[in-house]
Amino acid sequence: MNSLDLRVLLIATAVGTLLQVAMVTVGHRNKKVMNLFAVGGMGISFLAGFQYAYLAAHETMGPAIGGGAIAGGTCAFIGIAVSYALKDAPATLLALGTISSIVTGAIGGWLGRFFV
């Protein structure tokens, strides 16, 4: 049974989190960036999932998708939590945005397997 590569998961999640927090921090002061939170946030989660699968090239499809989902969802949850703390996002977005980003992270993990 394959398991997730925790080192790679930490790297993909950390990079995604840095990008998510940077986006919501800039968006707090820039309305144009704030208007792109949904697309930008899911895009970053997709990239976190893709990065996980790419860096964990030794893994099979299942763990690549799972790792992508975890990386994408975790970084989104943290980014949305920061946005909520800044009063730029409602609390309900923590659930909806995280679920959406879990899906896009999983898609990134799936697609990333084809590039290794």
PDB file of N, CA and C in Angstrom:
ATOM      1  N   MET A   1       0.838  -1.187   0.000  1.00  0.00           N
ATOM      2  CA  MET A   1       0.000   0.000   0.000  1.00  0.00           C
ATOM      3  C   MET A   1       0.877   1.242   0.000  1.00  0.00           C
ATOM      4  N   ASN A   2       0.612   2.144  -0.891  1.00  0.00           N
ATOM      5  CA  ASN A   2       1.378   3.383  -0.963  1.00  0.00           C
ATOM      6  C   ASN A   2       0.869   4.363   0.075  1.00  0.00           C
ATOM      7  N   SER A   3       1.790   5.153   0.595  1.00  0.00           N
ATOM      8  CA  SER A   3       1.392   6.198   1.539  1.00  0.00           C
ATOM      9  C   SER A   3       1.891   7.530   1.011  1.00  0.00           C
ATOM     10  N   LEU A   4       1.390   8.582   1.616  1.00  0.00           N
ATOM     11  CA  LEU A   4       1.774   9.920   1.178  1.00  0.00           C
ATOM     12  C   LEU A   4       3.210  10.222   1.570  1.00  0.00           C
ATOM     13  N   ASP A   5       3.863  11.004   0.754  1.00  0.00           N
ATOM     14  CA  ASP A   5       5.209  11.489   1.051  1.00  0.00           C
ATOM     15  C   ASP A   5       5.050  12.750   1.897  1.00  0.00           C
ATOM     16  N   LEU A   6       5.274  12.627   3.197  1.00  0.00           N
ATOM     17  CA  LEU A   6       5.011  13.739   4.112  1.00  0.00           C
ATOM     18  C   LEU A   6       5.923  14.939   3.869  1.00  0.00           C
ATOM     19  N   ARG A   7       7.159  14.694   3.471  1.00  0.00           N
ATOM     20  CA  ARG A   7       8.071  15.805   3.182  1.00  0.00           C
ATOM     21  C   ARG A   7       7.557  16.614   1.990  1.00  0.00           C
ATOM     22  N   VAL A   8       7.160  15.929   0.946  1.00  0.00           N
ATOM     23  CA  VAL A   8       6.631  16.599  -0.240  1.00  0.00           C
ATOM     24  C   VAL A   8       5.292  17.272   0.085  1.00  0.00           C
ATOM     25  N   LEU A   9       4.466  16.619   0.900  1.00  0.00           N
ATOM     26  CA  LEU A   9       3.194  17.208   1.303  1.00  0.00           C
ATOM     27  C   LEU A   9       3.419  18.511   2.055  1.00  0.00           C
ATOM     28  N   LEU A  10       4.403  18.521   2.926  1.00  0.00           N
ATOM     29  CA  LEU A  10       4.727  19.741   3.672  1.00  0.00           C
ATOM     30  C   LEU A  10       5.208  20.847   2.733  1.00  0.00           C
ATOM     31  N   ILE A  11       6.029  20.505   1.771  1.00  0.00           N
ATOM     32  CA  ILE A  11       6.541  21.501   0.816  1.00  0.00           C
ATOM     33  C   ILE A  11       5.385  22.086  -0.010  1.00  0.00           C
ATOM     34  N   ALA A  12       4.566  21.222  -0.584  1.00  0.00           N
ATOM     35  CA  ALA A  12       3.460  21.697  -1.434  1.00  0.00           C
ATOM     36  C   ALA A  12       2.468  22.528  -0.629  1.00  0.00           C
ATOM     37  N   THR A  13       2.184  22.100   0.592  1.00  0.00           N
ATOM     38  CA  THR A  13       1.254  22.839   1.448  1.00  0.00           C
ATOM     39  C   THR A  13       1.838  24.177   1.857  1.00  0.00           C
ATOM     40  N   ALA A  14       3.121  24.201   2.190  1.00  0.00           N
ATOM     41  CA  ALA A  14       3.766  25.455   2.603  1.00  0.00           C
ATOM     42  C   ALA A  14       3.806  26.470   1.460  1.00  0.00           C
ATOM     43  N   VAL A  15       4.159  26.015   0.275  1.00  0.00           N
ATOM     44  CA  VAL A  15       4.198  26.923  -0.880  1.00  0.00           C
ATOM     45  C   VAL A  15       2.793  27.441  -1.177  1.00  0.00           C
ATOM     46  N   GLY A  16       1.806  26.549  -1.189  1.00  0.00           N
ATOM     47  CA  GLY A  16       0.433  26.965  -1.423  1.00  0.00           C
ATOM     48  C   GLY A  16      -0.053  27.941  -0.362  1.00  0.00           C
ATOM     49  N   THR A  17       0.289  27.677   0.882  1.00  0.00           N
ATOM     50  CA  THR A  17      -0.123  28.567   1.977  1.00  0.00           C
ATOM     51  C   THR A  17       0.501  29.946   1.830  1.00  0.00           C
ATOM     52  N   LEU A  18       1.765  29.993   1.504  1.00  0.00           N
ATOM     53  CA  LEU A  18       2.419  31.295   1.298  1.00  0.00           C
ATOM     54  C   LEU A  18       1.733  32.083   0.184  1.00  0.00           C
ATOM     55  N   LEU A  19       1.401  31.407  -0.893  1.00  0.00           N
ATOM     56  CA  LEU A  19       0.725  32.084  -2.003  1.00  0.00           C
ATOM     57  C   LEU A  19      -0.690  32.529  -1.627  1.00  0.00           C
ATOM     58  N   GLN A  20      -1.421  31.671  -0.912  1.00  0.00           N
ATOM     59  CA  GLN A  20      -2.779  32.034  -0.490  1.00  0.00           C
ATOM     60  C   GLN A  20      -2.755  33.242   0.445  1.00  0.00           C
ATOM     61  N   VAL A  21      -1.864  33.214   1.437  1.00  0.00           N
ATOM     62  CA  VAL A  21      -1.787  34.316   2.399  1.00  0.00           C
ATOM     63  C   VAL A  21      -1.329  35.596   1.705  1.00  0.00           C
ATOM     64  N   ALA A  22      -0.396  35.480   0.769  1.00  0.00           N
ATOM     65  CA  ALA A  22       0.027  36.663   0.012  1.00  0.00           C
ATOM     66  C   ALA A  22      -1.145  37.242  -0.776  1.00  0.00           C
ATOM     67  N   MET A  23      -1.929  36.378  -1.404  1.00  0.00           N
ATOM     68  CA  MET A  23      -3.069  36.849  -2.193  1.00  0.00           C
ATOM     69  C   MET A  23      -4.093  37.563  -1.319  1.00  0.00           C
ATOM     70  N   VAL A  24      -4.460  36.978  -0.176  1.00  0.00           N
ATOM     71  CA  VAL A  24      -5.488  37.625   0.648  1.00  0.00           C
ATOM     72  C   VAL A  24      -4.955  38.871   1.340  1.00  0.00           C
ATOM     73  N   THR A  25      -3.666  38.907   1.607  1.00  0.00           N
ATOM     74  CA  THR A  25      -3.077  40.108   2.206  1.00  0.00           C
ATOM     75  C   THR A  25      -3.079  41.261   1.207  1.00  0.00           C
ATOM     76  N   VAL A  26      -2.675  40.981  -0.017  1.00  0.00           N
ATOM     77  CA  VAL A  26      -2.713  42.006  -1.065  1.00  0.00           C
ATOM     78  C   VAL A  26      -4.169  42.389  -1.358  1.00  0.00           C
ATOM     79  N   GLY A  27      -5.042  41.396  -1.417  1.00  0.00           N
ATOM     80  CA  GLY A  27      -6.443  41.651  -1.697  1.00  0.00           C
ATOM     81  C   GLY A  27      -7.141  42.472  -0.629  1.00  0.00           C
ATOM     82  N   HIS A  28      -6.635  42.432   0.569  1.00  0.00           N
ATOM     83  CA  HIS A  28      -7.203  43.232   1.658  1.00  0.00           C
ATOM     84  C   HIS A  28      -7.111  44.719   1.335  1.00  0.00           C
ATOM     85  N   ARG A  29      -6.076  45.091   0.612  1.00  0.00           N
ATOM     86  CA  ARG A  29      -5.863  46.496   0.264  1.00  0.00           C
ATOM     87  C   ARG A  29      -6.180  46.820  -1.193  1.00  0.00           C
ATOM     88  N   ASN A  30      -6.382  45.807  -2.016  1.00  0.00           N
ATOM     89  CA  ASN A  30      -6.586  46.008  -3.440  1.00  0.00           C
ATOM     90  C   ASN A  30      -7.857  45.281  -3.878  1.00  0.00           C
ATOM     91  N   LYS A  31      -8.888  46.030  -4.184  1.00  0.00           N
ATOM     92  CA  LYS A  31     -10.191  45.472  -4.535  1.00  0.00           C
ATOM     93  C   LYS A  31     -10.123  44.586  -5.786  1.00  0.00           C
ATOM     94  N   LYS A  32      -9.277  44.922  -6.749  1.00  0.00           N
ATOM     95  CA  LYS A  32      -9.153  44.113  -7.961  1.00  0.00           C
ATOM     96  C   LYS A  32      -8.643  42.714  -7.628  1.00  0.00           C
ATOM     97  N   VAL A  33      -7.692  42.641  -6.723  1.00  0.00           N
ATOM     98  CA  VAL A  33      -7.185  41.334  -6.302  1.00  0.00           C
ATOM     99  C   VAL A  33      -8.262  40.608  -5.497  1.00  0.00           C
ATOM    100  N   MET A  34      -8.960  41.325  -4.628  1.00  0.00           N
ATOM    101  CA  MET A  34     -10.013  40.708  -3.823  1.00  0.00           C
ATOM    102  C   MET A  34     -11.087  40.088  -4.712  1.00  0.00           C
ATOM    103  N   ASN A  35     -11.390  40.718  -5.811  1.00  0.00           N
ATOM    104  CA  ASN A  35     -12.404  40.186  -6.727  1.00  0.00           C
ATOM    105  C   ASN A  35     -11.976  38.871  -7.375  1.00  0.00           C
ATOM    106  N   LEU A  36     -10.702  38.543  -7.280  1.00  0.00           N
ATOM    107  CA  LEU A  36     -10.175  37.306  -7.863  1.00  0.00           C
ATOM    108  C   LEU A  36      -9.917  36.220  -6.827  1.00  0.00           C
ATOM    109  N   PHE A  37     -10.381  36.427  -5.583  1.00  0.00           N
ATOM    110  CA  PHE A  37     -10.116  35.459  -4.517  1.00  0.00           C
ATOM    111  C   PHE A  37     -10.565  34.045  -4.881  1.00  0.00           C
ATOM    112  N   ALA A  38     -11.765  33.895  -5.430  1.00  0.00           N
ATOM    113  CA  ALA A  38     -12.280  32.553  -5.724  1.00  0.00           C
ATOM    114  C   ALA A  38     -11.423  31.852  -6.776  1.00  0.00           C
ATOM    115  N   VAL A  39     -11.237  32.510  -7.894  1.00  0.00           N
ATOM    116  CA  VAL A  39     -10.447  31.917  -8.982  1.00  0.00           C
ATOM    117  C   VAL A  39      -8.983  31.766  -8.562  1.00  0.00           C
ATOM    118  N   GLY A  40      -8.440  32.792  -7.955  1.00  0.00           N
ATOM    119  CA  GLY A  40      -7.046  32.745  -7.520  1.00  0.00           C
ATOM    120  C   GLY A  40      -6.811  31.684  -6.465  1.00  0.00           C
ATOM    121  N   GLY A  41      -7.712  31.602  -5.501  1.00  0.00           N
ATOM    122  CA  GLY A  41      -7.558  30.620  -4.435  1.00  0.00           C
ATOM    123  C   GLY A  41      -7.631  29.194  -4.950  1.00  0.00           C
ATOM    124  N   MET A  42      -8.596  28.922  -5.811  1.00  0.00           N
ATOM    125  CA  MET A  42      -8.686  27.569  -6.371  1.00  0.00           C
ATOM    126  C   MET A  42      -7.515  27.289  -7.305  1.00  0.00           C
ATOM    127  N   GLY A  43      -7.054  28.319  -8.021  1.00  0.00           N
ATOM    128  CA  GLY A  43      -5.876  28.137  -8.874  1.00  0.00           C
ATOM    129  C   GLY A  43      -4.636  27.793  -8.065  1.00  0.00           C
ATOM    130  N   ILE A  44      -4.464  28.457  -6.938  1.00  0.00           N
ATOM    131  CA  ILE A  44      -3.319  28.160  -6.069  1.00  0.00           C
ATOM    132  C   ILE A  44      -3.444  26.748  -5.512  1.00  0.00           C
ATOM    133  N   SER A  45      -4.653  26.347  -5.132  1.00  0.00           N
ATOM    134  CA  SER A  45      -4.853  24.978  -4.636  1.00  0.00           C
ATOM    135  C   SER A  45      -4.572  23.948  -5.724  1.00  0.00           C
ATOM    136  N   PHE A  46      -4.967  24.253  -6.954  1.00  0.00           N
ATOM    137  CA  PHE A  46      -4.644  23.381  -8.082  1.00  0.00           C
ATOM    138  C   PHE A  46      -3.124  23.240  -8.209  1.00  0.00           C
ATOM    139  N   LEU A  47      -2.417  24.365  -8.130  1.00  0.00           N
ATOM    140  CA  LEU A  47      -0.958  24.329  -8.251  1.00  0.00           C
ATOM    141  C   LEU A  47      -0.303  23.575  -7.104  1.00  0.00           C
ATOM    142  N   ALA A  48      -0.864  23.698  -5.898  1.00  0.00           N
ATOM    143  CA  ALA A  48      -0.323  22.949  -4.758  1.00  0.00           C
ATOM    144  C   ALA A  48      -0.486  21.449  -5.001  1.00  0.00           C
ATOM    145  N   GLY A  49      -1.645  21.043  -5.516  1.00  0.00           N
ATOM    146  CA  GLY A  49      -1.864  19.636  -5.838  1.00  0.00           C
ATOM    147  C   GLY A  49      -0.948  19.151  -6.945  1.00  0.00           C
ATOM    148  N   PHE A  50      -0.809  19.965  -7.956  1.00  0.00           N
ATOM    149  CA  PHE A  50       0.086  19.630  -9.072  1.00  0.00           C
ATOM    150  C   PHE A  50       1.518  19.497  -8.569  1.00  0.00           C
ATOM    151  N   GLN A  51       1.937  20.436  -7.741  1.00  0.00           N
ATOM    152  CA  GLN A  51       3.295  20.403  -7.194  1.00  0.00           C
ATOM    153  C   GLN A  51       3.519  19.148  -6.365  1.00  0.00           C
ATOM    154  N   TYR A  52       2.524  18.781  -5.575  1.00  0.00           N
ATOM    155  CA  TYR A  52       2.669  17.561  -4.782  1.00  0.00           C
ATOM    156  C   TYR A  52       2.924  16.361  -5.693  1.00  0.00           C
ATOM    157  N   ALA A  53       2.081  16.174  -6.693  1.00  0.00           N
ATOM    158  CA  ALA A  53       2.226  15.022  -7.588  1.00  0.00           C
ATOM    159  C   ALA A  53       3.540  15.066  -8.350  1.00  0.00           C
ATOM    160  N   TYR A  54       3.942  16.240  -8.753  1.00  0.00           N
ATOM    161  CA  TYR A  54       5.185  16.375  -9.513  1.00  0.00           C
ATOM    162  C   TYR A  54       6.408  16.027  -8.657  1.00  0.00           C
ATOM    163  N   LEU A  55       6.410  16.536  -7.416  1.00  0.00           N
ATOM    164  CA  LEU A  55       7.553  16.277  -6.538  1.00  0.00           C
ATOM    165  C   LEU A  55       7.555  14.851  -5.992  1.00  0.00           C
ATOM    166  N   ALA A  56       6.381  14.247  -5.883  1.00  0.00           N
ATOM    167  CA  ALA A  56       6.267  12.872  -5.401  1.00  0.00           C
ATOM    168  C   ALA A  56       6.125  11.933  -6.599  1.00  0.00           C
ATOM    169  N   ALA A  57       7.037  12.044  -7.515  1.00  0.00           N
ATOM    170  CA  ALA A  57       6.942  11.312  -8.783  1.00  0.00           C
ATOM    171  C   ALA A  57       6.928   9.798  -8.583  1.00  0.00           C
ATOM    172  N   HIS A  58       7.421   9.328  -7.462  1.00  0.00           N
ATOM    173  CA  HIS A  58       7.475   7.895  -7.182  1.00  0.00           C
ATOM    174  C   HIS A  58       6.122   7.321  -6.766  1.00  0.00           C
ATOM    175  N   GLU A  59       5.148   8.169  -6.527  1.00  0.00           N
ATOM    176  CA  GLU A  59       3.851   7.697  -6.056  1.00  0.00           C
ATOM    177  C   GLU A  59       2.929   7.318  -7.213  1.00  0.00           C
ATOM    178  N   THR A  60       1.969   6.477  -6.885  1.00  0.00           N
ATOM    179  CA  THR A  60       0.967   6.090  -7.876  1.00  0.00           C
ATOM    180  C   THR A  60      -0.145   7.136  -7.892  1.00  0.00           C
ATOM    181  N   MET A  61      -1.134   6.921  -8.731  1.00  0.00           N
ATOM    182  CA  MET A  61      -2.191   7.907  -8.937  1.00  0.00           C
ATOM    183  C   MET A  61      -2.981   8.211  -7.661  1.00  0.00           C
ATOM    184  N   GLY A  62      -3.356   7.194  -6.907  1.00  0.00           N
ATOM    185  CA  GLY A  62      -4.166   7.397  -5.702  1.00  0.00           C
ATOM    186  C   GLY A  62      -3.525   8.339  -4.693  1.00  0.00           C
ATOM    187  N   PRO A  63      -2.293   8.068  -4.265  1.00  0.00           N
ATOM    188  CA  PRO A  63      -1.638   8.982  -3.334  1.00  0.00           C
ATOM    189  C   PRO A  63      -1.371  10.361  -3.931  1.00  0.00           C
ATOM    190  N   ALA A  64      -1.149  10.434  -5.233  1.00  0.00           N
ATOM    191  CA  ALA A  64      -0.945  11.741  -5.867  1.00  0.00           C
ATOM    192  C   ALA A  64      -2.214  12.582  -5.764  1.00  0.00           C
ATOM    193  N   ILE A  65      -3.354  11.965  -6.015  1.00  0.00           N
ATOM    194  CA  ILE A  65      -4.634  12.674  -5.901  1.00  0.00           C
ATOM    195  C   ILE A  65      -4.913  13.036  -4.446  1.00  0.00           C
ATOM    196  N   GLY A  66      -4.684  12.093  -3.537  1.00  0.00           N
ATOM    197  CA  GLY A  66      -4.911  12.350  -2.119  1.00  0.00           C
ATOM    198  C   GLY A  66      -4.007  13.430  -1.564  1.00  0.00           C
ATOM    199  N   GLY A  67      -2.737  13.378  -1.911  1.00  0.00           N
ATOM    200  CA  GLY A  67      -1.800  14.410  -1.467  1.00  0.00           C
ATOM    201  C   GLY A  67      -2.148  15.767  -2.040  1.00  0.00           C
ATOM    202  N   GLY A  68      -2.572  15.782  -3.305  1.00  0.00           N
ATOM    203  CA  GLY A  68      -2.992  17.035  -3.924  1.00  0.00           C
ATOM    204  C   GLY A  68      -4.208  17.619  -3.237  1.00  0.00           C
ATOM    205  N   ALA A  69      -5.156  16.754  -2.884  1.00  0.00           N
ATOM    206  CA  ALA A  69      -6.364  17.205  -2.188  1.00  0.00           C
ATOM    207  C   ALA A  69      -6.020  17.789  -0.815  1.00  0.00           C
ATOM    208  N   ILE A  70      -5.139  17.124  -0.094  1.00  0.00           N
ATOM    209  CA  ILE A  70      -4.755  17.609   1.236  1.00  0.00           C
ATOM    210  C   ILE A  70      -3.998  18.933   1.137  1.00  0.00           C
ATOM    211  N   ALA A  71      -3.032  19.002   0.229  1.00  0.00           N
ATOM    212  CA  ALA A  71      -2.254  20.240   0.070  1.00  0.00           C
ATOM    213  C   ALA A  71      -3.158  21.386  -0.367  1.00  0.00           C
ATOM    214  N   GLY A  72      -4.003  21.139  -1.354  1.00  0.00           N
ATOM    215  CA  GLY A  72      -4.903  22.184  -1.863  1.00  0.00           C
ATOM    216  C   GLY A  72      -5.906  22.646  -0.829  1.00  0.00           C
ATOM    217  N   GLY A  73      -6.486  21.717  -0.106  1.00  0.00           N
ATOM    218  CA  GLY A  73      -7.471  22.074   0.905  1.00  0.00           C
ATOM    219  C   GLY A  73      -6.871  22.768   2.109  1.00  0.00           C
ATOM    220  N   THR A  74      -5.716  22.311   2.545  1.00  0.00           N
ATOM    221  CA  THR A  74      -5.078  22.907   3.725  1.00  0.00           C
ATOM    222  C   THR A  74      -4.642  24.338   3.456  1.00  0.00           C
ATOM    223  N   CYS A  75      -3.984  24.561   2.333  1.00  0.00           N
ATOM    224  CA  CYS A  75      -3.519  25.922   2.051  1.00  0.00           C
ATOM    225  C   CYS A  75      -4.700  26.862   1.857  1.00  0.00           C
ATOM    226  N   ALA A  76      -5.786  26.369   1.258  1.00  0.00           N
ATOM    227  CA  ALA A  76      -6.973  27.205   1.074  1.00  0.00           C
ATOM    228  C   ALA A  76      -7.611  27.539   2.417  1.00  0.00           C
ATOM    229  N   PHE A  77      -7.743  26.549   3.284  1.00  0.00           N
ATOM    230  CA  PHE A  77      -8.350  26.788   4.591  1.00  0.00           C
ATOM    231  C   PHE A  77      -7.588  27.868   5.351  1.00  0.00           C
ATOM    232  N   ILE A  78      -6.267  27.797   5.328  1.00  0.00           N
ATOM    233  CA  ILE A  78      -5.453  28.797   6.032  1.00  0.00           C
ATOM    234  C   ILE A  78      -5.627  30.169   5.384  1.00  0.00           C
ATOM    235  N   GLY A  79      -5.598  30.223   4.057  1.00  0.00           N
ATOM    236  CA  GLY A  79      -5.788  31.498   3.368  1.00  0.00           C
ATOM    237  C   GLY A  79      -7.157  32.104   3.645  1.00  0.00           C
ATOM    238  N   ILE A  80      -8.187  31.273   3.627  1.00  0.00           N
ATOM    239  CA  ILE A  80      -9.535  31.767   3.902  1.00  0.00           C
ATOM    240  C   ILE A  80      -9.656  32.216   5.357  1.00  0.00           C
ATOM    241  N   ALA A  81      -9.007  31.507   6.264  1.00  0.00           N
ATOM    242  CA  ALA A  81      -9.030  31.900   7.674  1.00  0.00           C
ATOM    243  C   ALA A  81      -8.389  33.273   7.874  1.00  0.00           C
ATOM    244  N   VAL A  82      -7.298  33.524   7.164  1.00  0.00           N
ATOM    245  CA  VAL A  82      -6.665  34.848   7.232  1.00  0.00           C
ATOM    246  C   VAL A  82      -7.608  35.900   6.658  1.00  0.00           C
ATOM    247  N   SER A  83      -8.241  35.591   5.539  1.00  0.00           N
ATOM    248  CA  SER A  83      -9.185  36.517   4.925  1.00  0.00           C
ATOM    249  C   SER A  83     -10.364  36.784   5.858  1.00  0.00           C
ATOM    250  N   TYR A  84     -10.836  35.771   6.537  1.00  0.00           N
ATOM    251  CA  TYR A  84     -11.919  35.940   7.517  1.00  0.00           C
ATOM    252  C   TYR A  84     -11.459  36.831   8.672  1.00  0.00           C
ATOM    253  N   ALA A  85     -10.243  36.594   9.145  1.00  0.00           N
ATOM    254  CA  ALA A  85      -9.698  37.410  10.240  1.00  0.00           C
ATOM    255  C   ALA A  85      -9.575  38.877   9.829  1.00  0.00           C
ATOM    256  N   LEU A  86      -9.298  39.112   8.557  1.00  0.00           N
ATOM    257  CA  LEU A  86      -9.216  40.483   8.031  1.00  0.00           C
ATOM    258  C   LEU A  86     -10.598  41.060   7.711  1.00  0.00           C
ATOM    259  N   LYS A  87     -11.640  40.259   7.955  1.00  0.00           N
ATOM    260  CA  LYS A  87     -13.036  40.644   7.697  1.00  0.00           C
ATOM    261  C   LYS A  87     -13.321  40.850   6.204  1.00  0.00           C
ATOM    262  N   ASP A  88     -12.601  40.103   5.374  1.00  0.00           N
ATOM    263  CA  ASP A  88     -12.805  40.176   3.927  1.00  0.00           C
ATOM    264  C   ASP A  88     -13.609  38.990   3.391  1.00  0.00           C
ATOM    265  N   ALA A  89     -13.883  38.000   4.232  1.00  0.00           N
ATOM    266  CA  ALA A  89     -14.618  36.814   3.797  1.00  0.00           C
ATOM    267  C   ALA A  89     -15.533  36.363   4.931  1.00  0.00           C
ATOM    268  N   PRO A  90     -16.712  35.835   4.589  1.00  0.00           N
ATOM    269  CA  PRO A  90     -17.615  35.328   5.626  1.00  0.00           C
ATOM    270  C   PRO A  90     -17.138  33.972   6.155  1.00  0.00           C
ATOM    271  N   ALA A  91     -17.570  33.625   7.346  1.00  0.00           N
ATOM    272  CA  ALA A  91     -17.182  32.354   7.953  1.00  0.00           C
ATOM    273  C   ALA A  91     -17.647  31.161   7.121  1.00  0.00           C
ATOM    274  N   THR A  92     -18.774  31.295   6.442  1.00  0.00           N
ATOM    275  CA  THR A  92     -19.284  30.196   5.625  1.00  0.00           C
ATOM    276  C   THR A  92     -18.335  29.821   4.494  1.00  0.00           C
ATOM    277  N   LEU A  93     -17.507  30.757   4.098  1.00  0.00           N
ATOM    278  CA  LEU A  93     -16.556  30.476   3.029  1.00  0.00           C
ATOM    279  C   LEU A  93     -15.474  29.492   3.475  1.00  0.00           C
ATOM    280  N   LEU A  94     -15.254  29.392   4.783  1.00  0.00           N
ATOM    281  CA  LEU A  94     -14.277  28.420   5.264  1.00  0.00           C
ATOM    282  C   LEU A  94     -14.642  27.014   4.798  1.00  0.00           C
ATOM    283  N   ALA A  95     -15.917  26.673   4.850  1.00  0.00           N
ATOM    284  CA  ALA A  95     -16.341  25.342   4.404  1.00  0.00           C
ATOM    285  C   ALA A  95     -16.403  25.251   2.878  1.00  0.00           C
ATOM    286  N   LEU A  96     -17.140  26.151   2.257  1.00  0.00           N
ATOM    287  CA  LEU A  96     -17.335  26.091   0.808  1.00  0.00           C
ATOM    288  C   LEU A  96     -16.014  26.237   0.048  1.00  0.00           C
ATOM    289  N   GLY A  97     -15.216  27.226   0.433  1.00  0.00           N
ATOM    290  CA  GLY A  97     -13.942  27.454  -0.248  1.00  0.00           C
ATOM    291  C   GLY A  97     -12.965  26.313  -0.055  1.00  0.00           C
ATOM    292  N   THR A  98     -12.961  25.741   1.151  1.00  0.00           N
ATOM    293  CA  THR A  98     -12.054  24.620   1.410  1.00  0.00           C
ATOM    294  C   THR A  98     -12.465  23.392   0.610  1.00  0.00           C
ATOM    295  N   ILE A  99     -13.761  23.110   0.569  1.00  0.00           N
ATOM    296  CA  ILE A  99     -14.238  21.952  -0.210  1.00  0.00           C
ATOM    297  C   ILE A  99     -13.905  22.126  -1.687  1.00  0.00           C
ATOM    298  N   SER A 100     -14.145  23.314  -2.219  1.00  0.00           N
ATOM    299  CA  SER A 100     -13.822  23.578  -3.624  1.00  0.00           C
ATOM    300  C   SER A 100     -12.333  23.402  -3.887  1.00  0.00           C
ATOM    301  N   SER A 101     -11.518  23.837  -2.944  1.00  0.00           N
ATOM    302  CA  SER A 101     -10.073  23.751  -3.128  1.00  0.00           C
ATOM    303  C   SER A 101      -9.539  22.337  -2.913  1.00  0.00           C
ATOM    304  N   ILE A 102     -10.224  21.540  -2.123  1.00  0.00           N
ATOM    305  CA  ILE A 102      -9.860  20.127  -2.015  1.00  0.00           C
ATOM    306  C   ILE A 102     -10.038  19.470  -3.386  1.00  0.00           C
ATOM    307  N   VAL A 103     -11.143  19.782  -4.033  1.00  0.00           N
ATOM    308  CA  VAL A 103     -11.417  19.215  -5.361  1.00  0.00           C
ATOM    309  C   VAL A 103     -10.382  19.687  -6.379  1.00  0.00           C
ATOM    310  N   THR A 104     -10.100  20.993  -6.396  1.00  0.00           N
ATOM    311  CA  THR A 104      -9.119  21.475  -7.382  1.00  0.00           C
ATOM    312  C   THR A 104      -7.712  20.983  -7.060  1.00  0.00           C
ATOM    313  N   GLY A 105      -7.393  20.818  -5.784  1.00  0.00           N
ATOM    314  CA  GLY A 105      -6.097  20.239  -5.413  1.00  0.00           C
ATOM    315  C   GLY A 105      -5.985  18.798  -5.886  1.00  0.00           C
ATOM    316  N   ALA A 106      -7.081  18.035  -5.745  1.00  0.00           N
ATOM    317  CA  ALA A 106      -7.100  16.650  -6.216  1.00  0.00           C
ATOM    318  C   ALA A 106      -6.936  16.592  -7.736  1.00  0.00           C
ATOM    319  N   ILE A 107      -7.598  17.506  -8.438  1.00  0.00           N
ATOM    320  CA  ILE A 107      -7.451  17.558  -9.899  1.00  0.00           C
ATOM    321  C   ILE A 107      -6.009  17.893 -10.269  1.00  0.00           C
ATOM    322  N   GLY A 108      -5.410  18.823  -9.539  1.00  0.00           N
ATOM    323  CA  GLY A 108      -4.001  19.146  -9.764  1.00  0.00           C
ATOM    324  C   GLY A 108      -3.103  17.944  -9.525  1.00  0.00           C
ATOM    325  N   GLY A 109      -3.391  17.176  -8.463  1.00  0.00           N
ATOM    326  CA  GLY A 109      -2.617  15.962  -8.186  1.00  0.00           C
ATOM    327  C   GLY A 109      -2.774  14.922  -9.282  1.00  0.00           C
ATOM    328  N   TRP A 110      -4.011  14.772  -9.757  1.00  0.00           N
ATOM    329  CA  TRP A 110      -4.271  13.831 -10.842  1.00  0.00           C
ATOM    330  C   TRP A 110      -3.514  14.251 -12.104  1.00  0.00           C
ATOM    331  N   LEU A 111      -3.648  15.519 -12.470  1.00  0.00           N
ATOM    332  CA  LEU A 111      -3.001  16.008 -13.697  1.00  0.00           C
ATOM    333  C   LEU A 111      -1.479  15.992 -13.560  1.00  0.00           C
ATOM    334  N   GLY A 112      -0.998  16.306 -12.366  1.00  0.00           N
ATOM    335  CA  GLY A 112       0.447  16.316 -12.149  1.00  0.00           C
ATOM    336  C   GLY A 112       1.123  14.983 -12.395  1.00  0.00           C
ATOM    337  N   ARG A 113       0.396  13.885 -12.195  1.00  0.00           N
ATOM    338  CA  ARG A 113       0.956  12.555 -12.441  1.00  0.00           C
ATOM    339  C   ARG A 113       1.308  12.346 -13.909  1.00  0.00           C
ATOM    340  N   PHE A 114       0.672  13.077 -14.799  1.00  0.00           N
ATOM    341  CA  PHE A 114       0.944  12.906 -16.220  1.00  0.00           C
ATOM    342  C   PHE A 114       2.184  13.695 -16.669  1.00  0.00           C
ATOM    343  N   PHE A 115       2.750  14.482 -15.778  1.00  0.00           N
ATOM    344  CA  PHE A 115       3.909  15.301 -16.122  1.00  0.00           C
ATOM    345  C   PHE A 115       5.189  14.814 -15.462  1.00  0.00           C
ATOM    346  N   VAL A 116       5.135  13.627 -14.853  1.00  0.00           N
ATOM    347  CA  VAL A 116       6.346  13.089 -14.210  1.00  0.00           C
ATOM    348  C   VAL A 116       6.868  11.918 -14.990  1.00  0.00           C
TER     349      VAL A 116
END
